[in-house]
Amino acid sequence: MPEYTENYGLTLPLKTENYDLDHMTDSMKIIDTELKRVDDKAQEVEQDLTQHKLDYATFKDNTTLKVAKVEKELNDYKATMQ
């Protein structure tokens, strides 16, 4: 009887047994499925990161505009006090 890997249950045939191609096929299907899942998740994370960068840029621009407005109002107020 073959042994199996801990994480994905891939077939680890014993040295004393003939290798069954069906086991290899099953293991390759598991590997393919997991690689696709990881790739999909990586793409999702990359898209999320891109969106966060855009959100941050917008926030930063809005904050800069607000600060500039407050500074102008403060300077206008100071000018009336002189």
N, C-alpha and C. Protein backbone atom coordinates (compact mmCIF):
# COMPACT_ATOMS: atom_id res chain seq x y z
N MET A 1 0.84 -1.18 0.00
CA MET A 1 0.00 0.00 0.00
C MET A 1 0.89 1.24 0.00
N PRO A 2 0.59 2.22 -0.85
CA PRO A 2 1.41 3.44 -0.88
C PRO A 2 1.13 4.31 0.34
N GLU A 3 2.05 5.22 0.59
CA GLU A 3 1.84 6.24 1.61
C GLU A 3 1.35 7.50 0.90
N TYR A 4 0.90 8.47 1.69
CA TYR A 4 0.36 9.70 1.11
C TYR A 4 0.97 10.92 1.80
N THR A 5 1.15 11.98 1.05
CA THR A 5 1.70 13.20 1.64
C THR A 5 0.71 13.78 2.63
N GLU A 6 1.26 14.48 3.62
CA GLU A 6 0.45 15.01 4.72
C GLU A 6 -0.53 16.09 4.27
N ASN A 7 -0.08 16.99 3.42
CA ASN A 7 -0.90 18.15 3.12
C ASN A 7 -1.93 17.95 2.01
N TYR A 8 -1.58 17.25 0.97
CA TYR A 8 -2.48 17.14 -0.18
C TYR A 8 -2.85 15.71 -0.56
N GLY A 9 -2.36 14.78 0.21
CA GLY A 9 -2.72 13.39 -0.06
C GLY A 9 -2.16 12.84 -1.36
N LEU A 10 -1.00 13.36 -1.78
CA LEU A 10 -0.37 12.84 -2.99
C LEU A 10 0.18 11.45 -2.71
N THR A 11 0.13 10.63 -3.70
CA THR A 11 0.58 9.24 -3.55
C THR A 11 2.09 9.16 -3.49
N LEU A 12 2.58 8.46 -2.48
CA LEU A 12 4.01 8.17 -2.34
C LEU A 12 4.18 6.65 -2.36
N PRO A 13 4.39 6.09 -3.55
CA PRO A 13 4.50 4.63 -3.62
C PRO A 13 5.73 4.12 -2.88
N LEU A 14 5.60 2.97 -2.34
CA LEU A 14 6.73 2.34 -1.67
C LEU A 14 7.73 1.86 -2.71
N LYS A 15 8.99 1.79 -2.33
CA LYS A 15 10.03 1.33 -3.26
C LYS A 15 9.81 -0.11 -3.70
N THR A 16 9.08 -0.84 -2.91
CA THR A 16 8.89 -2.26 -3.19
C THR A 16 7.68 -2.55 -4.07
N GLU A 17 6.91 -1.51 -4.43
CA GLU A 17 5.70 -1.76 -5.23
C GLU A 17 5.83 -1.13 -6.62
N ASN A 18 5.06 -1.67 -7.53
CA ASN A 18 5.00 -1.11 -8.88
C ASN A 18 4.24 0.21 -8.83
N TYR A 19 4.71 1.16 -9.62
CA TYR A 19 4.07 2.47 -9.62
C TYR A 19 2.83 2.44 -10.50
N ASP A 20 1.74 2.91 -9.98
CA ASP A 20 0.46 2.92 -10.68
C ASP A 20 0.28 4.30 -11.32
N LEU A 21 0.17 4.35 -12.63
CA LEU A 21 -0.01 5.62 -13.34
C LEU A 21 -1.28 6.33 -12.93
N ASP A 22 -2.28 5.61 -12.52
CA ASP A 22 -3.51 6.24 -12.04
C ASP A 22 -3.24 7.08 -10.79
N HIS A 23 -2.33 6.60 -9.93
CA HIS A 23 -1.96 7.37 -8.75
C HIS A 23 -1.27 8.66 -9.16
N MET A 24 -0.36 8.56 -10.16
CA MET A 24 0.33 9.76 -10.63
C MET A 24 -0.68 10.75 -11.22
N THR A 25 -1.63 10.24 -11.98
CA THR A 25 -2.65 11.10 -12.57
C THR A 25 -3.47 11.79 -11.49
N ASP A 26 -3.86 11.05 -10.48
CA ASP A 26 -4.61 11.64 -9.37
C ASP A 26 -3.79 12.73 -8.66
N SER A 27 -2.51 12.45 -8.43
CA SER A 27 -1.65 13.43 -7.77
C SER A 27 -1.49 14.68 -8.64
N MET A 28 -1.33 14.50 -9.94
CA MET A 28 -1.19 15.65 -10.85
C MET A 28 -2.46 16.50 -10.86
N LYS A 29 -3.61 15.86 -10.78
CA LYS A 29 -4.86 16.61 -10.72
C LYS A 29 -4.94 17.44 -9.43
N ILE A 30 -4.50 16.85 -8.33
CA ILE A 30 -4.49 17.58 -7.06
C ILE A 30 -3.55 18.78 -7.14
N ILE A 31 -2.36 18.56 -7.68
CA ILE A 31 -1.37 19.64 -7.82
C ILE A 31 -1.92 20.74 -8.72
N ASP A 32 -2.50 20.36 -9.85
CA ASP A 32 -3.05 21.33 -10.79
C ASP A 32 -4.16 22.16 -10.14
N THR A 33 -5.04 21.51 -9.42
CA THR A 33 -6.14 22.21 -8.74
C THR A 33 -5.62 23.19 -7.71
N GLU A 34 -4.66 22.77 -6.91
CA GLU A 34 -4.11 23.64 -5.87
C GLU A 34 -3.32 24.80 -6.47
N LEU A 35 -2.56 24.55 -7.52
CA LEU A 35 -1.84 25.64 -8.17
C LEU A 35 -2.80 26.68 -8.74
N LYS A 36 -3.89 26.23 -9.33
CA LYS A 36 -4.89 27.14 -9.87
C LYS A 36 -5.53 27.95 -8.75
N ARG A 37 -5.83 27.32 -7.64
CA ARG A 37 -6.43 28.01 -6.50
C ARG A 37 -5.48 29.09 -5.98
N VAL A 38 -4.21 28.75 -5.85
CA VAL A 38 -3.21 29.71 -5.36
C VAL A 38 -3.05 30.86 -6.36
N ASP A 39 -3.01 30.53 -7.65
CA ASP A 39 -2.88 31.56 -8.68
C ASP A 39 -4.08 32.51 -8.66
N ASP A 40 -5.28 31.95 -8.56
CA ASP A 40 -6.50 32.78 -8.49
C ASP A 40 -6.45 33.71 -7.28
N LYS A 41 -6.02 33.18 -6.14
CA LYS A 41 -5.94 33.98 -4.93
C LYS A 41 -4.90 35.08 -5.08
N ALA A 42 -3.77 34.76 -5.70
CA ALA A 42 -2.73 35.76 -5.91
C ALA A 42 -3.24 36.89 -6.81
N GLN A 43 -3.99 36.56 -7.84
CA GLN A 43 -4.57 37.58 -8.71
C GLN A 43 -5.57 38.44 -7.95
N GLU A 44 -6.36 37.82 -7.10
CA GLU A 44 -7.33 38.55 -6.29
C GLU A 44 -6.62 39.53 -5.35
N VAL A 45 -5.55 39.08 -4.73
CA VAL A 45 -4.79 39.94 -3.82
C VAL A 45 -4.15 41.09 -4.60
N GLU A 46 -3.65 40.80 -5.78
CA GLU A 46 -3.05 41.85 -6.61
C GLU A 46 -4.09 42.90 -7.01
N GLN A 47 -5.29 42.47 -7.36
CA GLN A 47 -6.36 43.40 -7.70
C GLN A 47 -6.76 44.23 -6.49
N ASP A 48 -6.85 43.60 -5.33
CA ASP A 48 -7.17 44.32 -4.10
C ASP A 48 -6.11 45.37 -3.80
N LEU A 49 -4.85 45.00 -3.96
CA LEU A 49 -3.75 45.93 -3.69
C LEU A 49 -3.82 47.12 -4.64
N THR A 50 -4.09 46.86 -5.91
CA THR A 50 -4.21 47.94 -6.89
C THR A 50 -5.34 48.88 -6.49
N GLN A 51 -6.47 48.34 -6.07
CA GLN A 51 -7.60 49.17 -5.66
C GLN A 51 -7.26 49.98 -4.42
N HIS A 52 -6.56 49.38 -3.46
CA HIS A 52 -6.16 50.10 -2.25
C HIS A 52 -5.21 51.25 -2.59
N LYS A 53 -4.30 51.01 -3.55
CA LYS A 53 -3.39 52.08 -3.96
C LYS A 53 -4.16 53.23 -4.59
N LEU A 54 -5.15 52.91 -5.41
CA LEU A 54 -5.98 53.96 -6.02
C LEU A 54 -6.77 54.71 -4.96
N ASP A 55 -7.35 53.97 -4.01
CA ASP A 55 -8.11 54.59 -2.93
C ASP A 55 -7.21 55.52 -2.11
N TYR A 56 -5.99 55.07 -1.84
CA TYR A 56 -5.06 55.89 -1.06
C TYR A 56 -4.70 57.16 -1.83
N ALA A 57 -4.44 57.04 -3.12
CA ALA A 57 -4.09 58.21 -3.93
C ALA A 57 -5.23 59.22 -3.92
N THR A 58 -6.45 58.74 -4.04
CA THR A 58 -7.62 59.62 -4.00
C THR A 58 -7.73 60.30 -2.64
N PHE A 59 -7.58 59.53 -1.57
CA PHE A 59 -7.63 60.06 -0.22
C PHE A 59 -6.56 61.13 -0.02
N LYS A 60 -5.35 60.82 -0.47
CA LYS A 60 -4.24 61.76 -0.32
C LYS A 60 -4.52 63.05 -1.09
N ASP A 61 -5.00 62.93 -2.32
CA ASP A 61 -5.33 64.12 -3.12
C ASP A 61 -6.41 64.95 -2.44
N ASN A 62 -7.46 64.28 -1.95
CA ASN A 62 -8.54 64.99 -1.27
C ASN A 62 -8.05 65.69 0.00
N THR A 63 -7.19 65.02 0.73
CA THR A 63 -6.65 65.59 1.96
C THR A 63 -5.78 66.81 1.64
N THR A 64 -4.97 66.70 0.60
CA THR A 64 -4.13 67.83 0.18
C THR A 64 -4.98 69.03 -0.20
N LEU A 65 -6.07 68.79 -0.92
CA LEU A 65 -6.97 69.89 -1.30
C LEU A 65 -7.61 70.52 -0.07
N LYS A 66 -8.03 69.70 0.88
CA LYS A 66 -8.65 70.22 2.10
C LYS A 66 -7.66 71.04 2.91
N VAL A 67 -6.44 70.57 3.03
CA VAL A 67 -5.41 71.29 3.77
C VAL A 67 -5.13 72.63 3.08
N ALA A 68 -5.03 72.62 1.77
CA ALA A 68 -4.79 73.86 1.03
C ALA A 68 -5.93 74.85 1.25
N LYS A 69 -7.14 74.38 1.28
CA LYS A 69 -8.30 75.25 1.50
C LYS A 69 -8.25 75.85 2.90
N VAL A 70 -7.94 75.04 3.90
CA VAL A 70 -7.86 75.53 5.28
C VAL A 70 -6.72 76.55 5.40
N GLU A 71 -5.59 76.26 4.78
CA GLU A 71 -4.47 77.20 4.82
C GLU A 71 -4.85 78.54 4.18
N LYS A 72 -5.56 78.51 3.07
CA LYS A 72 -6.00 79.73 2.39
C LYS A 72 -6.96 80.51 3.29
N GLU A 73 -7.91 79.80 3.88
CA GLU A 73 -8.85 80.47 4.77
C GLU A 73 -8.14 81.09 5.97
N LEU A 74 -7.15 80.38 6.51
CA LEU A 74 -6.38 80.90 7.64
C LEU A 74 -5.60 82.14 7.23
N ASN A 75 -4.97 82.09 6.07
CA ASN A 75 -4.21 83.24 5.58
C ASN A 75 -5.14 84.43 5.30
N ASP A 76 -6.32 84.14 4.74
CA ASP A 76 -7.29 85.22 4.50
C ASP A 76 -7.74 85.84 5.82
N TYR A 77 -7.94 85.01 6.83
CA TYR A 77 -8.35 85.51 8.14
C TYR A 77 -7.24 86.36 8.75
N LYS A 78 -6.00 85.88 8.66
CA LYS A 78 -4.87 86.62 9.20
C LYS A 78 -4.75 87.98 8.51
N ALA A 79 -5.00 88.00 7.21
CA ALA A 79 -4.90 89.24 6.47
C ALA A 79 -5.94 90.26 6.96
N THR A 80 -7.09 89.79 7.38
CA THR A 80 -8.12 90.72 7.89
C THR A 80 -7.77 91.22 9.28
N MET A 81 -6.90 90.54 9.99
CA MET A 81 -6.54 90.91 11.35
C MET A 81 -5.43 91.95 11.39
N GLN A 82 -4.78 92.20 10.28
CA GLN A 82 -3.66 93.15 10.29
C GLN A 82 -4.08 94.56 10.03
